[in-house]
Amino acid sequence: MNTMNLPAGRRVRACIALLLALAGVGATVPASAQRGDQPSIVDLPGTHARSDVGALMDRIESGNVPAPYRPVTLAQLEDQLRRPELQASIGKGGTIAVLYPNVEEPFRSAFVSMIQGIEERTKLHVRSYPVDPRVDTADLNATLKRNGTRVVIALGRQGLNATAGLDKEITVLAGGVLLLSEADNVAGISMTPDPALLFARLRALLPDLKRVIVVYNPQKSEWLIKLAREAAKAQGLELSTHVAGDLARAAQLYPQLIAAADNHHDAVWLPHDTTTVEEGTILPLVLRESWNSGVPLFSSNVLHVKKGALFAMVPNNVELGRTLGGSALGVIAGDNKRRSLTPLRELQTAINVRTASHIGLNLGSRQQRSFDYVYPQP
């Protein structure tokens, strides 16, 4: 079995020691170590592979502290961590398992990067299971129970679907799933970028902007639009929302809205919505109308930047894994607070400098360095 021996800072180790101490963890040896029934563990890619997998994700679909206690210093926490009984206790509160789609490269790298982040954050023995579309959920459930699994982190839609037959005592956290909505009734992190971060970046690029125009399908994006309204208000922007229940209505709305827009004070946002941002017909239409009118177009999908959108935000998969790992640690430590669906905040940014120049936004080399990806690539 390949292992992921990843470095961690002293502060991270101290925080984990605190979680274990508060959870009342005792010594144990993982059952899998006694039986030798090890799951499939994947090798981690290099830095270049990890930095390039964010764009691929768009193609494959996205507490209370127990009392009483005494505050301790960082040095005391690190001393506690060195104790042999604490070192041996990891896993007592239950193990963490990761389910991810059994796909080939280059798509696999995105999930591998998330697993890396989970391992870095938890420093627990995380079992990783690649799952196929027709996985035997009863057999999977039995395996997870046998290994003492308390938390399953389900990556990708395929990983999430595999949790349908799991026992209720196993907590499921979703991540790396593109089209999550409130209707999915799951806790976790959607692959949809947080509108607050999108709008903050938009405001920094275009300080004179006053209005954001968006066309959306309420059945898929209502939860996101609720967040977007608050995010727009926080940035002093008006969010102009327009409902389209099908592709035909979206195709009708975009030309009208862009033609009526002020290219100095308005911008069009393309959210993750397969109805209103359909790739074959709608996207080319919107890109053409935006280019011809000079109305800025930004997106939640980094692939659109390559095609001409001004900017977009792309998942930082390692950081997403760390966040999911932190949530899993909270469950094991007894944090019973209600978890809900949240947008993605672990993000990097891509810019299209040709589009920026076209709308009169000239970005110097220093400004370009503030972006993680710059297109067109030299």
Protein backbone atom coordinates (compact mmCIF):
# COMPACT_ATOMS: atom_id res chain seq x y z
CA MET A 1 0.00 0.00 0.00
CA ASN A 2 1.28 3.44 -0.88
CA THR A 3 1.16 5.92 1.98
CA MET A 4 0.89 9.68 1.97
CA ASN A 5 3.49 10.91 4.43
CA LEU A 6 2.95 14.63 4.15
CA PRO A 7 4.58 17.39 6.25
CA ALA A 8 2.54 19.52 8.60
CA GLY A 9 3.37 22.64 10.56
CA ARG A 10 3.68 22.75 14.30
CA ARG A 11 0.50 24.76 14.64
CA VAL A 12 -1.51 22.25 12.68
CA ARG A 13 -0.21 19.43 14.88
CA ALA A 14 -1.09 21.41 17.99
CA CYS A 15 -4.63 22.07 16.81
CA ILE A 16 -5.13 18.40 16.08
CA ALA A 17 -3.83 17.54 19.52
CA LEU A 18 -6.45 19.86 21.00
CA LEU A 19 -9.23 18.21 18.99
CA LEU A 20 -8.14 14.77 20.12
CA ALA A 21 -7.85 15.87 23.73
CA LEU A 22 -11.29 17.49 23.77
CA ALA A 23 -12.78 14.40 22.14
CA GLY A 24 -11.45 12.20 24.95
CA VAL A 25 -9.58 9.95 22.54
CA GLY A 26 -7.88 6.85 23.95
CA ALA A 27 -5.39 4.36 22.59
CA THR A 28 -6.27 1.85 19.90
CA VAL A 29 -4.90 0.11 16.85
CA PRO A 30 -6.93 0.47 13.65
CA ALA A 31 -8.78 -2.74 12.83
CA SER A 32 -7.46 -2.69 9.28
CA ALA A 33 -3.90 -2.90 10.59
CA GLN A 34 -4.76 -6.15 12.35
CA ARG A 35 -6.54 -7.75 9.41
CA GLY A 36 -4.43 -6.32 6.61
CA ASP A 37 -7.48 -5.45 4.48
CA GLN A 38 -6.11 -2.24 3.03
CA PRO A 39 -8.04 -0.13 0.55
CA SER A 40 -6.67 1.30 -2.65
CA ILE A 41 -4.43 4.30 -1.99
CA VAL A 42 -3.46 6.53 -4.88
CA ASP A 43 -0.07 8.12 -5.54
CA LEU A 44 0.07 11.87 -5.36
CA PRO A 45 0.93 13.90 -8.45
CA GLY A 46 3.61 16.53 -8.63
CA THR A 47 3.11 20.23 -8.07
CA HIS A 48 2.49 20.95 -11.75
CA ALA A 49 -0.31 18.39 -11.97
CA ARG A 50 -1.98 19.73 -8.85
CA SER A 51 -1.92 23.31 -10.13
CA ASP A 52 -3.53 22.40 -13.43
CA VAL A 53 -6.47 20.23 -12.42
CA GLY A 54 -8.91 22.93 -11.36
CA ALA A 55 -10.18 23.50 -14.89
CA LEU A 56 -10.91 19.81 -15.35
CA MET A 57 -13.53 19.80 -12.61
CA ASP A 58 -15.94 21.77 -14.76
CA ARG A 59 -15.82 19.08 -17.37
CA ILE A 60 -16.56 16.02 -15.37
CA GLU A 61 -19.94 16.88 -13.98
CA SER A 62 -18.59 20.36 -8.36
CA GLY A 63 -19.51 23.64 17.62
CA ASN A 64 -19.51 23.53 21.13
CA VAL A 65 -16.42 22.73 23.25
CA PRO A 66 -17.04 20.18 26.03
CA ALA A 67 -16.85 21.64 29.53
CA PRO A 68 -15.17 21.89 31.87
CA TYR A 69 -11.76 22.53 30.28
CA ARG A 70 -8.76 24.75 30.86
CA PRO A 71 -7.10 26.81 28.14
CA VAL A 72 -3.59 25.59 27.28
CA THR A 73 -0.71 27.19 25.45
CA LEU A 74 0.64 26.14 22.08
CA ALA A 75 3.79 24.77 23.74
CA GLN A 76 1.68 22.65 26.11
CA LEU A 77 -0.34 21.29 23.21
CA GLU A 78 2.83 20.27 21.39
CA ASP A 79 4.12 18.58 24.53
CA GLN A 80 0.86 16.65 24.73
CA LEU A 81 1.21 15.60 21.10
CA ARG A 82 4.59 13.99 21.84
CA ARG A 83 3.10 11.67 24.46
CA PRO A 84 3.19 8.03 23.22
CA GLU A 85 -0.37 7.33 24.33
CA LEU A 86 -1.64 10.26 22.28
CA GLN A 87 0.38 9.20 19.25
CA ALA A 88 -1.21 5.76 19.53
CA SER A 89 -4.71 7.10 19.98
CA ILE A 90 -5.36 8.42 16.50
CA GLY A 91 -8.33 6.60 15.05
CA LYS A 92 -10.08 5.86 18.34
CA GLY A 93 -12.92 8.26 17.53
CA GLY A 94 -13.55 6.53 14.24
CA THR A 95 -11.88 6.62 10.88
CA ILE A 96 -12.33 8.86 7.87
CA ALA A 97 -12.94 7.36 4.45
CA VAL A 98 -12.88 9.05 1.06
CA LEU A 99 -14.98 7.87 -1.89
CA TYR A 100 -13.97 9.24 -5.26
CA PRO A 101 -14.79 8.37 -8.89
CA ASN A 102 -12.72 5.63 -10.46
CA VAL A 103 -11.66 7.69 -13.47
CA GLU A 104 -8.49 7.95 -15.50
CA GLU A 105 -6.09 10.85 -15.83
CA PRO A 106 -6.23 13.74 -16.26
CA PHE A 107 -9.51 13.81 -14.30
CA ARG A 108 -8.16 11.62 -11.48
CA SER A 109 -5.59 14.25 -10.51
CA ALA A 110 -8.26 16.64 -9.24
CA PHE A 111 -9.55 14.09 -6.73
CA VAL A 112 -6.05 12.99 -5.78
CA SER A 113 -5.23 16.62 -4.93
CA MET A 114 -8.32 16.81 -2.70
CA ILE A 115 -7.26 13.60 -0.94
CA GLN A 116 -3.83 15.12 -0.39
CA GLY A 117 -5.42 18.13 1.30
CA ILE A 118 -7.59 15.87 3.49
CA GLU A 119 -4.52 13.91 4.61
CA GLU A 120 -2.54 17.08 5.29
CA ARG A 121 -5.30 18.54 7.45
CA THR A 122 -6.34 15.48 9.41
CA LYS A 123 -3.05 13.61 9.91
CA LEU A 124 -5.32 10.61 10.40
CA HIS A 125 -5.25 7.33 8.50
CA VAL A 126 -7.59 8.18 5.65
CA ARG A 127 -8.80 5.26 3.57
CA SER A 128 -9.46 6.08 -0.09
CA TYR A 129 -11.87 4.03 -2.18
CA PRO A 130 -12.26 4.54 -5.94
CA VAL A 131 -15.88 3.77 -6.81
CA ASP A 132 -17.51 2.83 -10.10
CA PRO A 133 -20.99 3.96 -11.21
CA ARG A 134 -22.45 0.55 -10.36
CA VAL A 135 -20.69 0.04 -7.04
CA ASP A 136 -22.23 -2.51 -4.69
CA THR A 137 -23.40 -0.12 -1.97
CA ALA A 138 -24.24 -2.93 0.47
CA ASP A 139 -20.72 -4.32 0.20
CA LEU A 140 -19.25 -0.82 0.50
CA ASN A 141 -21.33 -0.14 3.60
CA ALA A 142 -20.14 -3.39 5.19
CA THR A 143 -16.51 -2.53 4.45
CA LEU A 144 -16.82 0.95 5.92
CA LYS A 145 -18.52 -0.35 9.07
CA ARG A 146 -15.90 -3.06 9.48
CA ASN A 147 -13.18 -0.39 9.38
CA GLY A 148 -14.94 1.73 12.01
CA THR A 149 -15.72 4.57 9.62
CA ARG A 150 -17.33 7.59 11.25
CA VAL A 151 -17.10 10.05 8.38
CA VAL A 152 -17.21 9.59 4.62
CA ILE A 153 -15.97 12.40 2.42
CA ALA A 154 -17.67 11.83 -0.93
CA LEU A 155 -15.85 13.43 -3.85
CA GLY A 156 -17.57 14.00 -7.17
CA ARG A 157 -21.12 13.10 -8.10
CA GLN A 158 -20.10 9.45 -8.47
CA GLY A 159 -18.64 9.41 -4.97
CA LEU A 160 -21.75 11.07 -3.57
CA ASN A 161 -24.08 8.62 -5.31
CA ALA A 162 -22.18 5.74 -3.73
CA THR A 163 -23.21 6.94 -0.25
CA ALA A 164 -26.92 6.35 -0.87
CA GLY A 165 -26.94 3.01 0.93
CA LEU A 166 -24.73 3.87 3.90
CA ASP A 167 -25.88 3.52 7.50
CA LYS A 168 -27.20 6.71 9.08
CA GLU A 169 -24.52 6.71 11.78
CA ILE A 170 -21.92 7.39 9.09
CA THR A 171 -21.73 11.12 8.45
CA VAL A 172 -21.37 12.09 4.79
CA LEU A 173 -19.62 15.27 3.68
CA ALA A 174 -19.73 16.07 -0.04
CA GLY A 175 -17.03 17.85 -2.00
CA GLY A 176 -15.94 18.22 -5.59
CA VAL A 177 -19.54 17.98 -6.80
CA LEU A 178 -20.41 20.60 -9.37
CA LEU A 179 -24.20 20.85 -9.34
CA LEU A 180 -25.20 20.58 -5.71
CA SER A 181 -28.39 22.30 -4.65
CA GLU A 182 -30.57 22.47 -1.56
CA ALA A 183 -32.66 19.69 -3.09
CA ASP A 184 -29.73 17.30 -2.70
CA ASN A 185 -30.10 17.59 1.08
CA VAL A 186 -26.40 17.00 1.74
CA ALA A 187 -23.76 18.74 3.77
CA GLY A 188 -20.53 19.77 2.15
CA ILE A 189 -18.94 22.13 -0.32
CA SER A 190 -20.29 22.74 -3.81
CA MET A 191 -17.84 23.32 -6.64
CA THR A 192 -19.69 26.58 -7.34
CA PRO A 193 -17.50 29.58 -6.39
CA ASP A 194 -18.77 31.77 -3.57
CA PRO A 195 -20.44 34.85 -5.12
CA ALA A 196 -18.91 36.99 -2.38
CA LEU A 197 -15.42 36.21 -3.66
CA LEU A 198 -16.44 36.55 -7.30
CA PHE A 199 -18.03 39.96 -6.75
CA ALA A 200 -15.13 41.19 -4.63
CA ARG A 201 -12.72 40.35 -7.46
CA LEU A 202 -15.09 41.96 -9.98
CA ARG A 203 -15.25 45.15 -7.93
CA ALA A 204 -11.45 45.26 -7.65
CA LEU A 205 -11.09 44.93 -11.44
CA LEU A 206 -13.92 47.29 -12.37
CA PRO A 207 -14.44 49.81 -9.53
CA ASP A 208 -17.01 51.83 -11.51
CA LEU A 209 -19.32 48.84 -11.91
CA LYS A 210 -22.85 49.24 -10.53
CA ARG A 211 -24.88 46.25 -11.71
CA VAL A 212 -24.46 42.50 -12.25
CA ILE A 213 -26.84 40.78 -14.70
CA VAL A 214 -27.54 37.05 -14.32
CA VAL A 215 -29.89 34.61 -16.07
CA TYR A 216 -30.65 31.48 -14.06
CA ASN A 217 -32.95 28.49 -13.61
CA PRO A 218 -34.46 28.58 -10.08
CA GLN A 219 -34.69 24.78 -9.93
CA LYS A 220 -30.91 24.59 -10.10
CA SER A 221 -29.54 27.86 -8.78
CA GLU A 222 -32.02 29.46 -6.37
CA TRP A 223 -29.81 28.71 -3.34
CA LEU A 224 -26.86 30.36 -5.10
CA ILE A 225 -28.84 33.44 -6.13
CA LYS A 226 -29.88 33.98 -2.51
CA LEU A 227 -26.20 34.15 -1.57
CA ALA A 228 -25.45 36.32 -4.59
CA ARG A 229 -28.00 38.95 -3.56
CA GLU A 230 -26.29 39.37 -0.20
CA ALA A 231 -22.84 39.36 -1.81
CA ALA A 232 -23.84 42.02 -4.33
CA LYS A 233 -25.28 44.21 -1.59
CA ALA A 234 -22.05 43.94 0.38
CA GLN A 235 -20.12 45.23 -2.64
CA GLY A 236 -22.57 48.04 -3.34
CA LEU A 237 -23.81 46.33 -6.49
CA GLU A 238 -27.29 45.74 -7.85
CA LEU A 239 -28.00 42.13 -8.79
CA SER A 240 -30.38 42.06 -11.76
CA THR A 241 -31.82 38.52 -11.91
CA HIS A 242 -33.74 37.01 -14.82
CA VAL A 243 -35.42 33.61 -14.79
CA ALA A 244 -35.14 31.17 -17.70
CA GLY A 245 -36.67 27.74 -17.25
CA ASP A 246 -35.33 26.40 -20.53
CA LEU A 247 -32.65 26.97 -23.12
CA ALA A 248 -34.97 28.80 -25.54
CA ARG A 249 -35.85 31.43 -22.95
CA ALA A 250 -32.19 31.90 -22.06
CA ALA A 251 -31.29 32.36 -25.74
CA GLN A 252 -33.99 34.99 -25.98
CA LEU A 253 -32.98 36.90 -22.87
CA TYR A 254 -29.22 37.27 -23.28
CA PRO A 255 -29.19 39.39 -26.48
CA GLN A 256 -31.89 41.66 -25.06
CA LEU A 257 -30.14 42.16 -21.74
CA ILE A 258 -26.69 42.73 -23.21
CA ALA A 259 -28.01 45.15 -25.82
CA ALA A 260 -29.63 47.22 -23.08
CA ALA A 261 -26.60 47.10 -20.76
CA ASP A 262 -24.17 49.93 -20.07
CA ASN A 263 -20.68 48.64 -20.82
CA HIS A 264 -19.16 51.00 -18.24
CA HIS A 265 -21.41 50.12 -15.33
CA ASP A 266 -22.89 46.66 -16.05
CA ALA A 267 -21.42 43.16 -16.24
CA VAL A 268 -22.90 39.74 -17.04
CA TRP A 269 -22.28 36.77 -14.74
CA LEU A 270 -22.40 33.17 -15.95
CA PRO A 271 -23.07 30.87 -12.96
CA HIS A 272 -22.87 27.08 -12.99
CA ASP A 273 -26.28 26.43 -14.55
CA THR A 274 -26.65 23.87 -17.31
CA THR A 275 -29.90 25.45 -18.50
CA THR A 276 -28.86 29.08 -18.84
CA VAL A 277 -25.15 28.52 -19.56
CA GLU A 278 -25.46 25.64 -22.02
CA GLU A 279 -22.09 25.16 -23.70
CA GLY A 280 -23.12 24.34 -27.27
CA THR A 281 -25.53 27.18 -28.06
CA ILE A 282 -25.80 29.69 -25.20
CA LEU A 283 -22.11 30.18 -24.42
CA PRO A 284 -21.03 31.09 -27.99
CA LEU A 285 -24.02 33.44 -28.21
CA VAL A 286 -23.18 35.25 -24.97
CA LEU A 287 -19.46 35.46 -25.76
CA ARG A 288 -20.21 37.03 -29.13
CA GLU A 289 -22.73 39.53 -27.77
CA SER A 290 -20.41 40.50 -24.92
CA TRP A 291 -17.42 40.99 -27.21
CA ASN A 292 -19.36 43.07 -29.74
CA SER A 293 -20.94 45.31 -27.10
CA GLY A 294 -17.97 45.63 -24.77
CA VAL A 295 -20.07 44.53 -21.79
CA PRO A 296 -17.79 42.64 -19.35
CA LEU A 297 -18.56 38.94 -18.97
CA PHE A 298 -17.30 36.91 -16.01
CA SER A 299 -17.97 33.32 -15.09
CA SER A 300 -17.96 30.64 -12.42
CA ASN A 301 -16.30 28.30 -14.95
CA VAL A 302 -12.61 28.75 -15.70
CA LEU A 303 -12.95 27.12 -19.12
CA HIS A 304 -14.98 30.14 -20.22
CA VAL A 305 -11.95 32.37 -19.64
CA LYS A 306 -10.02 30.44 -22.25
CA LYS A 307 -12.88 31.13 -24.67
CA GLY A 308 -13.14 34.86 -23.97
CA ALA A 309 -14.76 35.61 -20.59
CA LEU A 310 -12.92 38.31 -18.64
CA PHE A 311 -12.22 36.25 -15.53
CA ALA A 312 -13.36 33.26 -13.52
CA MET A 313 -12.49 31.46 -10.32
CA VAL A 314 -11.19 27.92 -10.26
CA PRO A 315 -11.06 25.40 -7.37
CA ASN A 316 -7.89 25.04 -5.36
CA ASN A 317 -8.31 21.31 -4.86
CA VAL A 318 -5.69 20.84 -2.15
CA GLU A 319 -7.19 23.63 -0.06
CA LEU A 320 -10.68 22.23 -0.64
CA GLY A 321 -9.43 18.91 0.73
CA ARG A 322 -8.02 20.63 3.81
CA THR A 323 -11.35 22.29 4.50
CA LEU A 324 -13.23 19.00 4.13
CA GLY A 325 -10.69 17.33 6.38
CA GLY A 326 -11.25 19.98 9.04
CA SER A 327 -15.01 19.36 8.91
CA ALA A 328 -14.43 15.61 9.26
CA LEU A 329 -12.24 16.19 12.32
CA GLY A 330 -15.05 18.23 13.83
CA VAL A 331 -17.48 15.34 13.43
CA ILE A 332 -15.06 12.90 15.06
CA ALA A 333 -14.41 15.35 17.91
CA GLY A 334 -18.15 15.38 18.69
CA ASP A 335 -19.09 18.65 17.03
CA ASN A 336 -22.79 18.08 16.33
CA LYS A 337 -23.59 21.46 14.79
CA ARG A 338 -25.80 21.31 11.74
CA ARG A 339 -23.79 21.31 8.54
CA SER A 340 -25.21 22.59 5.30
CA LEU A 341 -24.29 23.12 1.69
CA THR A 342 -21.78 25.93 1.19
CA PRO A 343 -20.25 27.43 -1.93
CA LEU A 344 -16.58 27.00 -2.71
CA ARG A 345 -14.22 29.47 -1.05
CA GLU A 346 -10.94 27.67 -1.75
CA LEU A 347 -10.31 29.39 -5.06
CA GLN A 348 -7.76 30.62 -7.55
CA THR A 349 -8.41 33.19 -10.28
CA ALA A 350 -7.94 33.15 -14.06
CA ILE A 351 -7.89 36.24 -16.30
CA ASN A 352 -8.09 36.72 -20.06
CA VAL A 353 -5.78 39.66 -20.83
CA ARG A 354 -6.95 39.91 -24.45
CA THR A 355 -10.54 40.42 -23.30
CA ALA A 356 -9.38 42.84 -20.61
CA SER A 357 -7.56 44.93 -23.22
CA HIS A 358 -10.61 44.81 -25.51
CA ILE A 359 -12.83 46.45 -22.89
CA GLY A 360 -10.18 49.03 -22.01
CA LEU A 361 -8.76 47.31 -18.95
CA ASN A 362 -4.99 47.34 -19.34
CA LEU A 363 -3.30 45.05 -16.83
CA GLY A 364 0.40 45.52 -16.22
CA SER A 365 2.75 42.65 -15.45
CA ARG A 366 2.43 43.26 -11.71
CA GLN A 367 -1.37 43.05 -11.86
CA GLN A 368 -1.18 39.94 -14.01
CA ARG A 369 0.96 38.26 -11.38
CA SER A 370 -1.91 38.62 -8.92
CA PHE A 371 -3.81 36.01 -10.96
CA ASP A 372 -3.12 32.30 -10.76
CA TYR A 373 -3.80 31.68 -14.47
CA VAL A 374 -3.38 34.11 -17.34
CA TYR A 375 -4.88 33.52 -20.81
CA PRO A 376 -4.07 33.49 -23.66
CA GLN A 377 -0.91 31.76 -22.53
CA PRO A 378 2.27 33.10 -24.13
